[in-house]
């Protein structure tokens, strides 16, 4: 069962941006890359740092703490020191709203702390 939650308005999410969200107790990072939206856990899987404080370059988010990079489309860890992928969440645009489904538990146990 999905549980779509309105996370933002499309007009409030600029291209190449990251928004920090707390949805149902989950720390979520919302990314806009061109006309596409993606959502991952906001917590780096290597060490506790918020990815929403990092740098978005294309489809890659760089952690502000140790520079690990992740693919925001898949959550895949692309560079060390990260070895574990980020939890990802389905995103859809419904009218002027960006909605995220966080019903599945994050694969990163620290994602909701």
Protein backbone atom coordinates (compact mmCIF):
# COMPACT_ATOMS: atom_id res chain seq x y z
CA UNK A 1 0.00 0.00 0.00
CA UNK A 2 1.34 3.43 -0.89
CA UNK A 3 0.94 6.54 1.17
CA UNK A 4 1.67 9.59 -0.95
CA UNK A 5 2.53 12.65 1.12
CA UNK A 6 2.65 16.18 -0.28
CA UNK A 7 6.29 17.18 0.20
CA UNK A 8 6.56 20.45 -1.72
CA UNK A 9 5.11 22.58 -4.47
CA UNK A 10 6.88 22.29 -7.82
CA UNK A 11 7.34 26.08 -7.93
CA UNK A 12 9.24 25.95 -4.62
CA UNK A 13 11.83 23.40 -5.75
CA UNK A 14 14.37 25.01 -8.06
CA UNK A 15 16.45 23.09 -10.58
CA UNK A 16 19.60 21.47 -9.16
CA UNK A 17 18.38 21.97 -5.62
CA UNK A 18 18.00 19.89 -2.46
CA UNK A 19 15.24 20.26 0.11
CA UNK A 20 15.47 18.83 3.61
CA UNK A 21 12.20 17.20 4.70
CA UNK A 22 10.88 15.24 7.64
CA UNK A 23 8.08 12.96 6.46
CA UNK A 24 6.42 10.65 8.95
CA UNK A 25 9.57 10.70 11.08
CA UNK A 26 11.93 9.98 8.16
CA UNK A 27 14.70 12.41 7.25
CA UNK A 28 14.31 12.78 3.48
CA UNK A 29 16.27 14.74 0.89
CA UNK A 30 14.25 15.88 -2.15
CA UNK A 31 16.23 16.65 -5.30
CA UNK A 32 15.24 18.32 -8.55
CA UNK A 33 17.39 17.53 -11.56
CA UNK A 34 15.98 19.28 -14.60
CA UNK A 35 12.33 18.29 -14.74
CA UNK A 36 12.84 15.15 -12.62
CA UNK A 37 12.42 14.75 -8.87
CA UNK A 38 14.10 12.16 -6.64
CA UNK A 39 14.03 11.40 -2.93
CA UNK A 40 16.53 9.57 -0.73
CA UNK A 41 17.33 9.27 2.91
CA UNK A 42 18.88 12.56 4.01
CA UNK A 43 21.48 10.76 6.14
CA UNK A 44 24.80 9.59 4.66
CA UNK A 45 25.34 5.84 5.07
CA UNK A 46 29.03 6.30 5.94
CA UNK A 47 28.82 8.67 8.90
CA UNK A 48 26.02 10.81 10.25
CA UNK A 49 25.77 13.86 8.01
CA UNK A 50 22.80 15.43 6.28
CA UNK A 51 23.03 15.17 2.51
CA UNK A 52 20.75 18.19 2.18
CA UNK A 53 23.79 20.16 3.43
CA UNK A 54 25.86 18.69 0.58
CA UNK A 55 26.36 19.52 -3.09
CA UNK A 56 24.23 18.32 -5.99
CA UNK A 57 26.05 17.86 -9.30
CA UNK A 58 23.84 16.39 -12.01
CA UNK A 59 22.43 13.20 -10.50
CA UNK A 60 25.11 12.95 -7.81
CA UNK A 61 24.90 14.22 -4.24
CA UNK A 62 28.15 14.76 -2.34
CA UNK A 63 28.17 14.35 1.41
CA UNK A 64 29.45 17.48 3.18
CA UNK A 65 31.35 15.47 5.81
CA UNK A 66 33.72 13.13 3.97
CA UNK A 67 32.87 13.68 0.29
CA UNK A 68 31.13 10.37 -0.43
CA UNK A 69 28.98 10.58 -3.55
CA UNK A 70 25.65 8.89 -4.24
CA UNK A 71 23.39 8.58 -7.30
CA UNK A 72 20.10 10.26 -6.32
CA UNK A 73 18.20 8.14 -8.88
CA UNK A 74 19.17 4.78 -7.38
CA UNK A 75 20.78 5.59 -4.03
CA UNK A 76 23.95 3.76 -5.13
CA UNK A 77 27.16 4.66 -3.32
CA UNK A 78 29.54 5.89 -6.05
CA UNK A 79 32.70 6.74 -4.12
CA UNK A 80 34.38 5.86 -0.87
CA UNK A 81 34.22 6.15 2.00
CA UNK A 82 30.53 5.17 1.49
CA UNK A 83 29.89 1.52 0.67
CA UNK A 84 26.18 1.24 1.43
CA UNK A 85 23.44 2.63 -0.80
CA UNK A 86 20.95 5.22 0.39
CA UNK A 87 17.28 4.37 0.87
CA UNK A 88 15.27 5.82 -2.01
CA UNK A 89 11.59 6.73 -2.10
CA UNK A 90 9.08 6.92 -4.97
CA UNK A 91 8.30 10.47 -6.10
CA UNK A 92 5.50 11.73 -8.30
CA UNK A 93 4.14 15.08 -9.42
CA UNK A 94 0.40 15.49 -8.93
CA UNK A 95 -0.76 18.82 -10.32
CA UNK A 96 1.52 21.41 -8.70
CA UNK A 97 2.56 19.16 -5.80
CA UNK A 98 5.59 16.91 -5.42
CA UNK A 99 4.55 13.81 -3.49
CA UNK A 100 6.74 11.19 -1.82
CA UNK A 101 5.84 7.71 -0.58
CA UNK A 102 7.86 6.76 2.51
CA UNK A 103 5.79 3.72 3.52
CA UNK A 104 8.70 1.29 3.06
CA UNK A 105 11.22 1.31 5.88
CA UNK A 106 14.56 2.94 5.06
CA UNK A 107 17.38 0.49 4.38
CA UNK A 108 19.67 2.76 6.41
CA UNK A 109 18.88 2.28 10.11
CA UNK A 110 20.08 5.82 10.92
CA UNK A 111 17.85 7.43 8.29
CA UNK A 112 15.08 8.26 10.70
CA UNK A 113 17.14 9.35 13.70
